[in-house]
Amino acid sequence: MPSERESQCCREIEATEYRRVEGNVQCLSHHPGFQANCTNRWVLEMSFHEFVQQEGPIGDEEPRHE
């Protein structure tokens, strides 16, 4: 059954306040480190492989090289 994706603003999450204050931004997507770490394909790929090594495979149906 299809469902709507949950959307939550970073300002609603108390744990993100430090980074927003640190970067002097209202939204985490404007933080200087966001683009370099959260939208860079190579950083995400390496983080995924590190996660799989530490936590094990997510599931048989999950693509590993896409």
N, C-alpha and C. Protein backbone atom coordinates (compact mmCIF):
# COMPACT_ATOMS: atom_id res chain seq x y z
N MET A 1 0.84 -1.16 0.00
CA MET A 1 0.00 0.00 0.00
C MET A 1 0.90 1.24 0.00
N PRO A 2 0.70 2.16 -0.95
CA PRO A 2 1.51 3.38 -0.98
C PRO A 2 1.19 4.27 0.22
N SER A 3 2.19 4.95 0.69
CA SER A 3 1.98 5.88 1.81
C SER A 3 2.78 7.14 1.55
N GLU A 4 2.40 8.21 2.22
CA GLU A 4 3.10 9.47 2.09
C GLU A 4 4.42 9.40 2.84
N ARG A 5 5.44 10.06 2.29
CA ARG A 5 6.73 10.12 2.99
C ARG A 5 6.60 11.12 4.13
N GLU A 6 7.22 10.77 5.23
CA GLU A 6 7.20 11.67 6.38
C GLU A 6 8.18 12.80 6.14
N SER A 7 7.75 13.99 6.43
CA SER A 7 8.61 15.15 6.27
C SER A 7 8.68 15.86 7.61
N GLN A 8 9.90 16.16 8.03
CA GLN A 8 10.08 16.83 9.31
C GLN A 8 11.13 17.91 9.14
N CYS A 9 10.85 19.09 9.61
CA CYS A 9 11.79 20.20 9.54
C CYS A 9 12.89 20.02 10.58
N CYS A 10 14.12 20.37 10.20
CA CYS A 10 15.23 20.23 11.14
C CYS A 10 15.04 21.10 12.38
N ARG A 11 14.25 22.16 12.26
CA ARG A 11 14.00 23.02 13.42
C ARG A 11 13.09 22.35 14.44
N GLU A 12 12.43 21.25 14.03
CA GLU A 12 11.57 20.49 14.95
C GLU A 12 12.37 19.46 15.74
N ILE A 13 13.66 19.29 15.40
CA ILE A 13 14.50 18.28 16.04
C ILE A 13 15.54 18.98 16.90
N GLU A 14 15.39 18.83 18.20
CA GLU A 14 16.26 19.54 19.14
C GLU A 14 17.74 19.25 18.93
N ALA A 15 18.08 18.02 18.55
CA ALA A 15 19.48 17.62 18.39
C ALA A 15 20.17 18.36 17.25
N THR A 16 19.44 18.99 16.35
CA THR A 16 20.06 19.70 15.23
C THR A 16 20.36 21.16 15.56
N GLU A 17 19.88 21.63 16.68
CA GLU A 17 20.05 23.05 17.02
C GLU A 17 21.52 23.45 17.07
N TYR A 18 22.37 22.61 17.63
CA TYR A 18 23.79 22.91 17.74
C TYR A 18 24.40 23.23 16.38
N ARG A 19 24.11 22.38 15.39
CA ARG A 19 24.69 22.58 14.05
C ARG A 19 24.12 23.82 13.37
N ARG A 20 22.87 24.10 13.58
CA ARG A 20 22.29 25.31 12.99
C ARG A 20 22.91 26.56 13.59
N VAL A 21 23.11 26.56 14.91
CA VAL A 21 23.74 27.70 15.58
C VAL A 21 25.20 27.82 15.14
N GLU A 22 25.90 26.68 15.09
CA GLU A 22 27.30 26.65 14.68
C GLU A 22 27.50 27.24 13.29
N GLY A 23 26.63 26.89 12.36
CA GLY A 23 26.75 27.38 10.99
C GLY A 23 26.05 28.71 10.76
N ASN A 24 25.39 29.22 11.81
CA ASN A 24 24.64 30.48 11.73
C ASN A 24 23.62 30.41 10.59
N VAL A 25 22.84 29.32 10.56
CA VAL A 25 21.83 29.11 9.53
C VAL A 25 20.50 28.74 10.16
N GLN A 26 19.43 28.96 9.43
CA GLN A 26 18.10 28.59 9.90
C GLN A 26 17.76 27.15 9.54
N CYS A 27 18.41 26.62 8.50
CA CYS A 27 18.11 25.27 8.01
C CYS A 27 19.41 24.50 7.82
N LEU A 28 19.43 23.23 8.22
CA LEU A 28 20.65 22.43 8.09
C LEU A 28 21.13 22.32 6.65
N SER A 29 20.23 22.38 5.68
CA SER A 29 20.66 22.28 4.29
C SER A 29 21.49 23.48 3.85
N HIS A 30 21.52 24.53 4.65
CA HIS A 30 22.36 25.70 4.36
C HIS A 30 23.67 25.70 5.15
N HIS A 31 23.87 24.70 6.00
CA HIS A 31 25.10 24.59 6.79
C HIS A 31 26.27 24.32 5.84
N PRO A 32 27.43 24.91 6.08
CA PRO A 32 28.59 24.74 5.19
C PRO A 32 28.99 23.28 4.96
N GLY A 33 28.78 22.41 5.92
CA GLY A 33 29.18 21.02 5.76
C GLY A 33 28.12 20.13 5.12
N PHE A 34 26.91 20.65 4.94
CA PHE A 34 25.83 19.80 4.43
C PHE A 34 26.11 19.31 3.01
N GLN A 35 26.40 20.22 2.11
CA GLN A 35 26.59 19.81 0.72
C GLN A 35 27.79 18.87 0.57
N ALA A 36 28.88 19.18 1.25
CA ALA A 36 30.09 18.36 1.14
C ALA A 36 29.88 16.95 1.70
N ASN A 37 29.06 16.81 2.71
CA ASN A 37 28.90 15.52 3.38
C ASN A 37 27.60 14.79 3.10
N CYS A 38 26.56 15.50 2.75
CA CYS A 38 25.25 14.86 2.62
C CYS A 38 24.74 14.77 1.19
N THR A 39 25.33 15.48 0.27
CA THR A 39 24.87 15.41 -1.12
C THR A 39 25.96 14.93 -2.06
N ASN A 40 27.14 14.66 -1.55
CA ASN A 40 28.24 14.19 -2.38
C ASN A 40 28.12 12.68 -2.56
N ARG A 41 27.99 12.24 -3.81
CA ARG A 41 27.78 10.82 -4.11
C ARG A 41 28.87 9.94 -3.51
N TRP A 42 30.12 10.36 -3.60
CA TRP A 42 31.25 9.54 -3.14
C TRP A 42 31.28 9.43 -1.62
N VAL A 43 30.96 10.49 -0.94
CA VAL A 43 30.90 10.46 0.53
C VAL A 43 29.78 9.52 0.97
N LEU A 44 28.62 9.62 0.33
CA LEU A 44 27.50 8.76 0.68
C LEU A 44 27.81 7.29 0.41
N GLU A 45 28.48 7.02 -0.71
CA GLU A 45 28.83 5.63 -1.03
C GLU A 45 29.79 5.05 0.01
N MET A 46 30.79 5.81 0.39
CA MET A 46 31.74 5.33 1.40
C MET A 46 31.04 5.14 2.75
N SER A 47 30.14 6.05 3.10
CA SER A 47 29.40 5.92 4.37
C SER A 47 28.52 4.68 4.36
N PHE A 48 27.91 4.39 3.20
CA PHE A 48 27.08 3.20 3.08
C PHE A 48 27.90 1.94 3.28
N HIS A 49 29.06 1.87 2.63
CA HIS A 49 29.91 0.68 2.77
C HIS A 49 30.41 0.52 4.20
N GLU A 50 30.73 1.62 4.85
CA GLU A 50 31.16 1.55 6.25
C GLU A 50 30.01 1.05 7.13
N PHE A 51 28.80 1.53 6.87
CA PHE A 51 27.63 1.08 7.63
C PHE A 51 27.42 -0.42 7.47
N VAL A 52 27.49 -0.91 6.22
CA VAL A 52 27.28 -2.33 5.96
C VAL A 52 28.35 -3.17 6.65
N GLN A 53 29.59 -2.69 6.67
CA GLN A 53 30.65 -3.43 7.36
C GLN A 53 30.39 -3.52 8.85
N GLN A 54 29.88 -2.44 9.43
CA GLN A 54 29.64 -2.41 10.87
C GLN A 54 28.33 -3.09 11.27
N GLU A 55 27.28 -2.89 10.47
CA GLU A 55 25.94 -3.34 10.86
C GLU A 55 25.46 -4.57 10.10
N GLY A 56 26.14 -4.94 9.03
CA GLY A 56 25.69 -6.06 8.22
C GLY A 56 24.77 -5.60 7.11
N PRO A 57 24.47 -6.49 6.18
CA PRO A 57 23.60 -6.13 5.05
C PRO A 57 22.23 -5.66 5.52
N ILE A 58 21.66 -4.76 4.76
CA ILE A 58 20.33 -4.24 5.09
C ILE A 58 19.27 -5.28 4.76
N GLY A 59 19.42 -5.95 3.65
CA GLY A 59 18.47 -6.98 3.23
C GLY A 59 18.82 -7.44 1.83
N ASP A 60 18.33 -8.60 1.45
CA ASP A 60 18.64 -9.16 0.14
C ASP A 60 18.11 -8.31 -1.00
N GLU A 61 17.03 -7.59 -0.77
CA GLU A 61 16.43 -6.81 -1.83
C GLU A 61 17.08 -5.45 -2.05
N GLU A 62 18.01 -5.07 -1.19
CA GLU A 62 18.66 -3.77 -1.29
C GLU A 62 19.79 -3.77 -2.32
N PRO A 63 19.80 -2.80 -3.24
CA PRO A 63 20.91 -2.70 -4.19
C PRO A 63 22.19 -2.30 -3.47
N ARG A 64 23.31 -2.88 -3.85
CA ARG A 64 24.57 -2.61 -3.16
C ARG A 64 25.50 -1.72 -3.96
N HIS A 65 25.28 -1.63 -5.27
CA HIS A 65 26.24 -0.91 -6.11
C HIS A 65 25.58 0.18 -6.92
N GLU A 66 24.44 0.68 -6.48
CA GLU A 66 23.77 1.74 -7.22
C GLU A 66 23.87 3.03 -6.45
